[in-house]
Amino acid sequence: MSLEQLPDCGCDACDSGSADLLEAVDDVVIAVVTGTFVHVDAGEGREIVCTGDSWSASNWDAFGTPVEEALATARAGRSPYRVVRGQAWE
């Protein structure tokens, strides 16, 4: 399982420099350390990755359950799907 794929695009036209990449890495690390990271895997390429304030979903729109509801269920420990999340580091 990967937490984030960086950069989104590697072409020169999309290259905005390293500041955006470093910020994205920071966001993922902070989400893991604070316990806000959630990964929901419903199989067949359907997944949600939440890094605290933002999330991304793959092949989820036509799946039925709204992303926010699926994340809330995962955080409550009641998801029928494979969920990876952790406690905040102390």
Protein backbone atom coordinates (compact mmCIF):
# COMPACT_ATOMS: atom_id res chain seq x y z
CA MET A 1 0.00 0.00 0.00
CA SER A 2 1.27 3.46 -0.82
CA LEU A 3 0.24 6.56 1.08
CA GLU A 4 0.85 9.05 -1.70
CA GLN A 5 2.25 9.09 -5.21
CA LEU A 6 4.51 12.05 -5.82
CA PRO A 7 4.72 13.86 -8.10
CA ASP A 8 1.29 13.55 -9.72
CA CYS A 9 2.93 14.17 -13.07
CA GLY A 10 6.64 14.20 -13.80
CA CYS A 11 6.66 16.29 -16.96
CA ASP A 12 8.51 19.61 -17.13
CA ALA A 13 5.31 21.57 -17.79
CA CYS A 14 3.80 20.38 -14.48
CA ASP A 15 6.98 20.85 -12.44
CA SER A 16 6.25 23.54 -9.85
CA GLY A 17 9.45 22.96 -7.93
CA SER A 18 10.24 21.08 -4.76
CA ALA A 19 8.23 23.26 -2.34
CA ASP A 20 4.90 21.67 -3.34
CA LEU A 21 6.37 18.16 -3.13
CA LEU A 22 7.84 18.81 0.32
CA GLU A 23 4.52 20.18 1.54
CA ALA A 24 2.71 17.06 0.27
CA VAL A 25 5.23 14.79 2.04
CA ASP A 26 4.82 16.84 5.22
CA ASP A 27 1.02 16.51 5.02
CA VAL A 28 1.20 12.72 4.78
CA VAL A 29 3.75 12.37 7.58
CA ILE A 30 1.72 14.68 9.84
CA ALA A 31 -1.45 12.67 9.11
CA VAL A 32 0.30 9.44 10.14
CA VAL A 33 1.84 10.93 13.28
CA THR A 34 -1.39 12.64 14.42
CA GLY A 35 -3.53 9.57 13.69
CA THR A 36 -5.72 11.27 11.08
CA PHE A 37 -4.52 9.07 8.20
CA VAL A 38 -7.17 6.61 6.94
CA HIS A 39 -6.95 4.21 3.98
CA VAL A 40 -10.11 2.35 2.93
CA ASP A 41 -9.69 -0.47 0.40
CA ALA A 42 -12.90 -1.91 -1.05
CA GLY A 43 -11.05 -4.07 -3.59
CA GLU A 44 -10.96 -3.93 -7.38
CA GLY A 45 -9.12 -0.59 -7.33
CA ARG A 46 -11.74 1.16 -5.18
CA GLU A 47 -10.00 3.04 -2.41
CA ILE A 48 -9.96 6.22 -0.35
CA VAL A 49 -6.85 7.81 1.11
CA CYS A 50 -7.47 10.51 3.72
CA THR A 51 -4.64 12.62 5.11
CA GLY A 52 -6.55 14.65 7.65
CA ASP A 53 -8.15 17.64 5.95
CA SER A 54 -8.08 16.21 2.44
CA TRP A 55 -8.84 12.91 0.76
CA SER A 56 -8.59 11.30 -2.65
CA ALA A 57 -10.70 8.46 -3.96
CA SER A 58 -10.16 6.03 -6.82
CA ASN A 59 -13.12 4.40 -8.59
CA TRP A 60 -15.41 5.36 -5.70
CA ASP A 61 -17.98 7.75 -7.25
CA ALA A 62 -20.24 5.08 -8.74
CA PHE A 63 -19.77 2.77 -5.77
CA GLY A 64 -22.74 4.01 -3.76
CA THR A 65 -21.49 5.04 -0.30
CA PRO A 66 -20.42 8.71 -0.18
CA VAL A 67 -16.72 9.15 0.63
CA GLU A 68 -17.40 11.12 3.83
CA GLU A 69 -19.71 8.37 5.11
CA ALA A 70 -17.20 5.63 4.25
CA LEU A 71 -14.46 7.54 6.10
CA ALA A 72 -16.66 8.09 9.17
CA THR A 73 -17.53 4.38 9.26
CA ALA A 74 -13.84 3.48 8.92
CA ARG A 75 -12.85 5.85 11.73
CA ALA A 76 -15.55 4.32 13.95
CA GLY A 77 -14.15 0.83 13.30
CA ARG A 78 -17.32 -0.38 11.54
CA SER A 79 -16.20 -0.48 7.91
CA PRO A 80 -16.93 -3.65 5.93
CA TYR A 81 -13.76 -2.93 3.92
CA ARG A 82 -10.07 -3.27 4.68
CA VAL A 83 -9.03 -0.19 6.67
CA VAL A 84 -5.57 1.00 7.68
CA ARG A 85 -5.39 3.71 10.31
CA GLY A 86 -3.60 4.24 13.55
CA GLN A 87 -3.51 6.03 16.83
CA ALA A 88 -1.80 9.37 17.25
CA TRP A 89 1.82 9.13 18.37
CA GLU A 90 2.37 10.38 21.88
